[in-house]
């Protein structure tokens, strides 16, 4: 079912507010779900907002590549999976996503987000602190 083993997962139930005029979940929700899943994963690694603020660093999105493969509808249960696939231990990190509808095991989305480490106080790119290197590197999935 998953593209890579052992994803960090988050369950999603599609709400009425997420349905657009075409009768399915609007694609902007998919990106929001990716962000929520990424945050949950980061927090599980000990890298939540408090840690970001203490270190004056954050991982900021610099690129999304999203393939929308199928639609989601109101009240469907979905599972968003995420993996960190690459961390350069300097500035950048690539996180992959897959959204699955368990009822029929259809993949609705595959995506890749590239993040860059920034200094919160200036918004400028800065090297990852050791806490980011250790936290994110231990979560890298290298198996295909």
N, C-alpha and C. Protein backbone atom coordinates (compact mmCIF):
# COMPACT_ATOMS: atom_id res chain seq x y z
N UNK A 1 0.82 -1.19 0.00
CA UNK A 1 0.00 0.00 0.00
C UNK A 1 0.86 1.26 0.00
N UNK A 2 1.92 1.29 0.80
CA UNK A 2 2.78 2.48 0.89
C UNK A 2 3.95 2.38 -0.07
N UNK A 3 4.40 3.53 -0.56
CA UNK A 3 5.53 3.57 -1.48
C UNK A 3 6.84 3.19 -0.79
N UNK A 4 6.98 3.55 0.48
CA UNK A 4 8.16 3.22 1.27
C UNK A 4 7.69 2.66 2.60
N UNK A 5 8.51 1.86 3.25
CA UNK A 5 8.09 1.28 4.52
C UNK A 5 8.04 2.30 5.66
N UNK A 6 7.23 1.99 6.64
CA UNK A 6 7.16 2.70 7.91
C UNK A 6 6.92 4.21 7.80
N UNK A 7 5.84 4.62 7.14
CA UNK A 7 5.55 6.05 7.12
C UNK A 7 5.08 6.54 8.47
N UNK A 8 5.27 7.82 8.73
CA UNK A 8 4.56 8.46 9.82
C UNK A 8 3.18 8.76 9.24
N UNK A 9 2.12 8.41 9.95
CA UNK A 9 0.78 8.56 9.37
C UNK A 9 -0.13 9.41 10.24
N UNK A 10 -1.10 9.99 9.56
CA UNK A 10 -2.13 10.78 10.23
C UNK A 10 -3.46 10.50 9.53
N UNK A 11 -4.49 10.20 10.33
CA UNK A 11 -5.81 9.93 9.77
C UNK A 11 -6.54 11.25 9.51
N UNK A 12 -7.27 11.28 8.42
CA UNK A 12 -8.04 12.46 8.02
C UNK A 12 -9.46 11.99 7.70
N UNK A 13 -10.44 12.71 8.19
CA UNK A 13 -11.83 12.49 7.78
C UNK A 13 -12.27 13.75 7.05
N UNK A 14 -12.66 13.60 5.81
CA UNK A 14 -13.02 14.74 4.97
C UNK A 14 -14.32 15.37 5.47
N UNK A 15 -14.24 16.66 5.80
CA UNK A 15 -15.40 17.36 6.34
C UNK A 15 -16.17 18.09 5.23
N UNK A 16 -17.39 18.48 5.55
CA UNK A 16 -18.22 19.22 4.60
C UNK A 16 -17.57 20.54 4.19
N UNK A 17 -16.83 21.18 5.11
CA UNK A 17 -16.19 22.46 4.81
C UNK A 17 -15.05 22.31 3.80
N UNK A 18 -14.57 21.10 3.62
CA UNK A 18 -13.44 20.88 2.70
C UNK A 18 -13.90 20.54 1.28
N UNK A 19 -15.21 20.45 1.08
CA UNK A 19 -15.76 20.11 -0.23
C UNK A 19 -15.98 21.39 -1.03
N UNK A 20 -15.57 21.36 -2.31
CA UNK A 20 -15.73 22.54 -3.16
C UNK A 20 -16.96 22.42 -4.05
N UNK A 21 -17.12 23.35 -4.95
CA UNK A 21 -18.27 23.39 -5.83
C UNK A 21 -18.36 22.20 -6.78
N UNK A 22 -17.29 21.48 -6.95
CA UNK A 22 -17.30 20.30 -7.82
C UNK A 22 -17.67 19.03 -7.06
N UNK A 23 -17.89 19.17 -5.74
CA UNK A 23 -18.37 18.04 -4.95
C UNK A 23 -17.30 17.14 -4.37
N UNK A 24 -16.04 17.57 -4.45
CA UNK A 24 -14.95 16.79 -3.85
C UNK A 24 -14.05 17.70 -3.03
N UNK A 25 -13.15 17.10 -2.29
CA UNK A 25 -12.25 17.90 -1.45
C UNK A 25 -11.40 18.79 -2.35
N UNK A 26 -11.38 20.07 -2.04
CA UNK A 26 -10.59 21.02 -2.80
C UNK A 26 -9.11 20.71 -2.65
N UNK A 27 -8.35 20.90 -3.72
CA UNK A 27 -6.93 20.53 -3.69
C UNK A 27 -6.12 21.33 -2.67
N UNK A 28 -6.58 22.50 -2.28
CA UNK A 28 -5.86 23.26 -1.25
C UNK A 28 -5.86 22.50 0.07
N UNK A 29 -6.88 21.71 0.32
CA UNK A 29 -6.93 20.91 1.54
C UNK A 29 -5.84 19.85 1.56
N UNK A 30 -5.53 19.29 0.42
CA UNK A 30 -4.49 18.27 0.35
C UNK A 30 -3.15 18.85 0.85
N UNK A 31 -2.85 20.08 0.42
CA UNK A 31 -1.61 20.73 0.85
C UNK A 31 -1.67 21.03 2.35
N UNK A 32 -2.83 21.45 2.84
CA UNK A 32 -2.98 21.69 4.28
C UNK A 32 -2.79 20.39 5.06
N UNK A 33 -3.35 19.30 4.55
CA UNK A 33 -3.18 18.00 5.21
C UNK A 33 -1.70 17.59 5.22
N UNK A 34 -0.99 17.88 4.14
CA UNK A 34 0.45 17.59 4.10
C UNK A 34 1.18 18.37 5.20
N UNK A 35 0.85 19.65 5.31
CA UNK A 35 1.49 20.49 6.31
C UNK A 35 1.21 19.98 7.72
N UNK A 36 -0.05 19.63 7.99
CA UNK A 36 -0.42 19.13 9.31
C UNK A 36 0.32 17.83 9.63
N UNK A 37 0.41 16.96 8.66
CA UNK A 37 1.11 15.68 8.88
C UNK A 37 2.60 15.92 9.11
N UNK A 38 3.19 16.81 8.33
CA UNK A 38 4.62 17.13 8.50
C UNK A 38 4.88 17.68 9.90
N UNK A 39 4.00 18.58 10.38
CA UNK A 39 4.16 19.14 11.72
C UNK A 39 4.05 18.06 12.79
N UNK A 40 3.06 17.19 12.64
CA UNK A 40 2.90 16.11 13.62
C UNK A 40 4.15 15.24 13.65
N UNK A 41 4.69 14.95 12.48
CA UNK A 41 5.90 14.13 12.41
C UNK A 41 7.07 14.85 13.07
N UNK A 42 7.24 16.13 12.75
CA UNK A 42 8.34 16.89 13.35
C UNK A 42 8.21 16.92 14.87
N UNK A 43 6.99 17.14 15.36
CA UNK A 43 6.78 17.15 16.80
C UNK A 43 7.11 15.80 17.42
N UNK A 44 6.79 14.72 16.72
CA UNK A 44 7.11 13.38 17.25
C UNK A 44 8.61 13.16 17.33
N UNK A 45 9.37 13.93 16.55
CA UNK A 45 10.84 13.85 16.58
C UNK A 45 11.44 14.82 17.59
N UNK A 46 10.60 15.53 18.35
CA UNK A 46 11.08 16.49 19.33
C UNK A 46 11.39 17.84 18.73
N UNK A 47 10.85 18.12 17.53
CA UNK A 47 11.13 19.38 16.85
C UNK A 47 9.83 20.12 16.57
N UNK A 48 9.21 20.59 17.64
CA UNK A 48 7.98 21.35 17.53
C UNK A 48 8.25 22.84 17.52
N UNK A 49 7.20 23.63 17.59
CA UNK A 49 7.31 25.08 17.51
C UNK A 49 8.17 25.66 18.63
N UNK A 50 8.05 25.13 19.84
CA UNK A 50 8.87 25.63 20.95
C UNK A 50 10.35 25.44 20.66
N UNK A 51 10.71 24.28 20.13
CA UNK A 51 12.11 24.01 19.81
C UNK A 51 12.58 24.93 18.69
N UNK A 52 11.75 25.13 17.68
CA UNK A 52 12.09 26.04 16.58
C UNK A 52 12.37 27.44 17.14
N UNK A 53 11.49 27.93 18.02
CA UNK A 53 11.65 29.27 18.58
C UNK A 53 12.89 29.35 19.46
N UNK A 54 13.15 28.33 20.27
CA UNK A 54 14.32 28.33 21.13
C UNK A 54 15.61 28.38 20.32
N UNK A 55 15.62 27.68 19.20
CA UNK A 55 16.81 27.61 18.34
C UNK A 55 16.88 28.75 17.32
N UNK A 56 15.80 29.54 17.23
CA UNK A 56 15.72 30.61 16.23
C UNK A 56 15.91 30.07 14.82
N UNK A 57 15.35 28.89 14.58
CA UNK A 57 15.44 28.23 13.28
C UNK A 57 14.09 27.59 12.95
N UNK A 58 13.85 27.40 11.65
CA UNK A 58 12.66 26.70 11.18
C UNK A 58 12.96 26.07 9.84
N UNK A 59 12.20 25.05 9.51
CA UNK A 59 12.28 24.45 8.18
C UNK A 59 11.13 25.04 7.38
N UNK A 60 11.45 25.86 6.38
CA UNK A 60 10.45 26.57 5.58
C UNK A 60 10.31 25.91 4.21
N UNK A 61 9.09 25.80 3.75
CA UNK A 61 8.83 25.22 2.43
C UNK A 61 9.39 26.13 1.35
N UNK A 62 10.16 25.54 0.45
CA UNK A 62 10.63 26.30 -0.71
C UNK A 62 10.10 25.72 -2.02
N UNK A 63 9.56 24.48 -1.97
CA UNK A 63 9.01 23.89 -3.19
C UNK A 63 8.07 22.75 -2.84
N UNK A 64 6.91 22.75 -3.51
CA UNK A 64 5.98 21.62 -3.46
C UNK A 64 5.90 21.02 -4.87
N UNK A 65 5.95 19.72 -4.96
CA UNK A 65 5.65 19.01 -6.20
C UNK A 65 4.52 18.05 -5.84
N UNK A 66 3.34 18.28 -6.43
CA UNK A 66 2.16 17.52 -6.03
C UNK A 66 1.52 16.87 -7.25
N UNK A 67 1.27 15.58 -7.16
CA UNK A 67 0.50 14.86 -8.17
C UNK A 67 -0.83 14.48 -7.53
N UNK A 68 -1.90 15.09 -8.03
CA UNK A 68 -3.25 14.76 -7.58
C UNK A 68 -3.74 13.60 -8.43
N UNK A 69 -3.95 12.45 -7.83
CA UNK A 69 -4.25 11.24 -8.58
C UNK A 69 -5.71 10.82 -8.56
N UNK A 70 -6.44 11.19 -7.53
CA UNK A 70 -7.84 10.83 -7.41
C UNK A 70 -8.51 11.77 -6.41
N UNK A 71 -9.81 11.79 -6.41
CA UNK A 71 -10.57 12.71 -5.56
C UNK A 71 -10.98 12.08 -4.24
N UNK A 72 -11.15 12.95 -3.25
CA UNK A 72 -11.68 12.55 -1.94
C UNK A 72 -13.03 13.23 -1.77
N UNK A 73 -13.92 12.56 -1.05
CA UNK A 73 -15.29 13.03 -0.88
C UNK A 73 -15.66 13.11 0.60
N UNK A 74 -16.70 13.87 0.87
CA UNK A 74 -17.14 14.10 2.25
C UNK A 74 -17.32 12.78 3.01
N UNK A 75 -16.87 12.81 4.25
CA UNK A 75 -16.96 11.73 5.22
C UNK A 75 -16.04 10.55 4.94
N UNK A 76 -15.23 10.61 3.88
CA UNK A 76 -14.27 9.53 3.65
C UNK A 76 -13.12 9.64 4.65
N UNK A 77 -12.65 8.49 5.08
CA UNK A 77 -11.47 8.43 5.93
C UNK A 77 -10.26 8.21 5.03
N UNK A 78 -9.23 9.02 5.25
CA UNK A 78 -8.00 8.95 4.47
C UNK A 78 -6.83 8.81 5.43
N UNK A 79 -5.70 8.37 4.91
CA UNK A 79 -4.47 8.33 5.72
C UNK A 79 -3.36 9.01 4.93
N UNK A 80 -2.79 10.05 5.53
CA UNK A 80 -1.64 10.73 4.95
C UNK A 80 -0.39 10.10 5.56
N UNK A 81 0.51 9.66 4.71
CA UNK A 81 1.80 9.13 5.16
C UNK A 81 2.90 10.06 4.71
N UNK A 82 3.95 10.16 5.52
CA UNK A 82 5.09 11.00 5.16
C UNK A 82 6.39 10.31 5.54
N UNK A 83 7.42 10.61 4.76
CA UNK A 83 8.77 10.12 4.99
C UNK A 83 9.74 11.25 4.71
N UNK A 84 10.80 11.31 5.48
CA UNK A 84 11.92 12.18 5.14
C UNK A 84 12.87 11.30 4.33
N UNK A 85 13.17 11.73 3.13
CA UNK A 85 13.99 10.90 2.24
C UNK A 85 15.42 11.42 2.14
N UNK A 86 15.60 12.71 2.29
CA UNK A 86 16.94 13.28 2.16
C UNK A 86 17.10 14.47 3.09
N UNK A 87 18.23 14.50 3.79
CA UNK A 87 18.61 15.64 4.61
C UNK A 87 20.08 15.90 4.29
N UNK A 88 20.42 17.11 3.84
CA UNK A 88 21.82 17.38 3.50
C UNK A 88 22.66 17.78 4.71
N UNK A 89 22.01 17.89 5.90
CA UNK A 89 22.68 18.26 7.15
C UNK A 89 23.30 19.65 7.10
N UNK A 90 22.86 20.45 6.15
CA UNK A 90 23.32 21.83 6.05
C UNK A 90 22.13 22.77 6.01
N UNK A 91 21.33 22.64 4.92
CA UNK A 91 20.27 23.61 4.69
C UNK A 91 18.95 22.98 4.27
N UNK A 92 18.99 21.91 3.47
CA UNK A 92 17.77 21.39 2.84
C UNK A 92 17.36 20.01 3.32
N UNK A 93 16.06 19.77 3.15
CA UNK A 93 15.47 18.48 3.50
C UNK A 93 14.32 18.22 2.53
N UNK A 94 14.20 16.96 2.09
CA UNK A 94 13.08 16.55 1.24
C UNK A 94 12.18 15.61 2.01
N UNK A 95 10.91 15.93 1.99
CA UNK A 95 9.89 15.13 2.65
C UNK A 95 8.90 14.67 1.58
N UNK A 96 8.56 13.39 1.60
CA UNK A 96 7.62 12.82 0.64
C UNK A 96 6.30 12.50 1.35
N UNK A 97 5.23 12.54 0.56
CA UNK A 97 3.89 12.29 1.08
C UNK A 97 3.15 11.33 0.16
N UNK A 98 2.24 10.57 0.75
CA UNK A 98 1.32 9.73 0.01
C UNK A 98 0.00 9.75 0.77
N UNK A 99 -1.09 10.01 0.06
CA UNK A 99 -2.42 10.03 0.66
C UNK A 99 -3.19 8.84 0.13
N UNK A 100 -3.67 8.01 1.04
CA UNK A 100 -4.37 6.78 0.68
C UNK A 100 -5.78 6.78 1.25
N UNK A 101 -6.71 6.24 0.45
CA UNK A 101 -8.06 5.97 0.93
C UNK A 101 -8.09 4.49 1.28
N UNK A 102 -8.07 4.13 2.56
CA UNK A 102 -7.97 2.72 2.97
C UNK A 102 -9.12 1.84 2.49
N UNK A 103 -10.30 2.41 2.30
CA UNK A 103 -11.46 1.60 1.92
C UNK A 103 -11.21 0.82 0.63
N UNK A 104 -10.49 1.44 -0.31
CA UNK A 104 -10.19 0.74 -1.57
C UNK A 104 -8.70 0.73 -1.90
N UNK A 105 -7.88 1.23 -0.98
CA UNK A 105 -6.42 1.29 -1.09
C UNK A 105 -5.95 2.11 -2.30
N UNK A 106 -6.75 3.08 -2.69
CA UNK A 106 -6.38 3.96 -3.79
C UNK A 106 -5.49 5.08 -3.26
N UNK A 107 -4.40 5.37 -3.98
CA UNK A 107 -3.54 6.51 -3.67
C UNK A 107 -4.13 7.74 -4.34
N UNK A 108 -4.45 8.75 -3.53
CA UNK A 108 -5.06 9.98 -4.03
C UNK A 108 -4.02 11.04 -4.37
N UNK A 109 -2.87 10.97 -3.74
CA UNK A 109 -1.86 12.01 -3.91
C UNK A 109 -0.48 11.43 -3.65
N UNK A 110 0.48 11.89 -4.41
CA UNK A 110 1.90 11.70 -4.13
C UNK A 110 2.53 13.08 -4.23
N UNK A 111 3.42 13.39 -3.29
CA UNK A 111 4.00 14.72 -3.29
C UNK A 111 5.40 14.70 -2.68
N UNK A 112 6.13 15.73 -3.01
CA UNK A 112 7.46 15.96 -2.44
C UNK A 112 7.53 17.43 -2.07
N UNK A 113 7.99 17.70 -0.86
CA UNK A 113 8.19 19.07 -0.42
C UNK A 113 9.65 19.24 -0.04
N UNK A 114 10.26 20.29 -0.56
CA UNK A 114 11.63 20.63 -0.19
C UNK A 114 11.58 21.79 0.79
N UNK A 115 12.30 21.61 1.89
CA UNK A 115 12.37 22.61 2.94
C UNK A 115 13.79 23.16 3.01
N UNK A 116 13.92 24.41 3.42
CA UNK A 116 15.22 25.01 3.71
C UNK A 116 15.19 25.54 5.13
N UNK A 117 16.30 25.41 5.80
CA UNK A 117 16.42 25.92 7.16
C UNK A 117 16.61 27.44 7.11
N UNK A 118 15.81 28.13 7.90
CA UNK A 118 15.92 29.58 7.97
C UNK A 118 16.09 30.01 9.42
N UNK A 119 16.64 31.19 9.59
CA UNK A 119 16.70 31.85 10.89
C UNK A 119 15.38 32.59 11.07
N UNK A 120 14.65 32.28 12.14
CA UNK A 120 13.34 32.89 12.35
C UNK A 120 13.42 34.41 12.45
N UNK A 121 14.42 34.93 13.14
CA UNK A 121 14.50 36.36 13.39
C UNK A 121 14.77 37.18 12.13
N UNK A 122 15.39 36.58 11.13
CA UNK A 122 15.72 37.32 9.91
C UNK A 122 15.00 36.80 8.66
N UNK A 123 14.56 35.53 8.71
CA UNK A 123 13.95 34.92 7.53
C UNK A 123 14.97 34.46 6.51
N UNK A 124 16.24 34.59 6.84
CA UNK A 124 17.31 34.22 5.90
C UNK A 124 17.73 32.77 6.08
N UNK A 125 18.21 32.16 5.01
CA UNK A 125 18.72 30.79 5.13
C UNK A 125 19.88 30.72 6.13
N UNK A 126 19.85 29.68 6.96
CA UNK A 126 20.92 29.45 7.94
C UNK A 126 21.13 27.95 8.06
N UNK A 127 22.34 27.57 8.41
CA UNK A 127 22.64 26.15 8.60
C UNK A 127 21.76 25.55 9.67
N UNK A 128 21.47 24.26 9.48
CA UNK A 128 20.69 23.54 10.48
C UNK A 128 21.46 23.44 11.78
N UNK A 129 20.80 23.68 12.90
CA UNK A 129 21.46 23.42 14.18
C UNK A 129 21.59 21.90 14.38
N UNK A 130 22.45 21.51 15.27
CA UNK A 130 22.69 20.08 15.52
C UNK A 130 21.39 19.36 15.89
N UNK A 131 20.49 20.04 16.61
CA UNK A 131 19.23 19.42 16.99
C UNK A 131 18.40 19.02 15.76
N UNK A 132 18.43 19.84 14.71
CA UNK A 132 17.72 19.51 13.47
C UNK A 132 18.41 18.35 12.76
N UNK A 133 19.73 18.41 12.69
CA UNK A 133 20.49 17.34 12.01
C UNK A 133 20.21 16.01 12.69
N UNK A 134 20.31 15.98 14.01
CA UNK A 134 20.09 14.72 14.74
C UNK A 134 18.64 14.27 14.65
N UNK A 135 17.70 15.19 14.83
CA UNK A 135 16.28 14.83 14.84
C UNK A 135 15.78 14.38 13.48
N UNK A 136 16.06 15.14 12.45
CA UNK A 136 15.54 14.79 11.13
C UNK A 136 16.32 13.65 10.49
N UNK A 137 17.62 13.59 10.73
CA UNK A 137 18.42 12.51 10.12
C UNK A 137 18.02 11.13 10.65
N UNK A 138 17.62 11.05 11.92
CA UNK A 138 17.24 9.73 12.46
C UNK A 138 15.94 9.22 11.85
N UNK A 139 15.20 10.12 11.18
CA UNK A 139 13.92 9.73 10.58
C UNK A 139 14.04 9.47 9.08
N UNK A 140 15.23 9.60 8.51
CA UNK A 140 15.39 9.40 7.07
C UNK A 140 15.08 7.95 6.69
N UNK A 141 14.23 7.82 5.70
CA UNK A 141 13.86 6.50 5.17
C UNK A 141 14.64 6.28 3.88
N UNK A 142 15.53 5.30 3.89
CA UNK A 142 16.37 5.05 2.73
C UNK A 142 15.94 3.80 1.96
N UNK A 143 14.99 3.06 2.51
CA UNK A 143 14.53 1.86 1.83
C UNK A 143 13.48 2.21 0.80
N UNK A 144 13.52 1.52 -0.33
CA UNK A 144 12.52 1.75 -1.37
C UNK A 144 11.64 0.54 -1.51
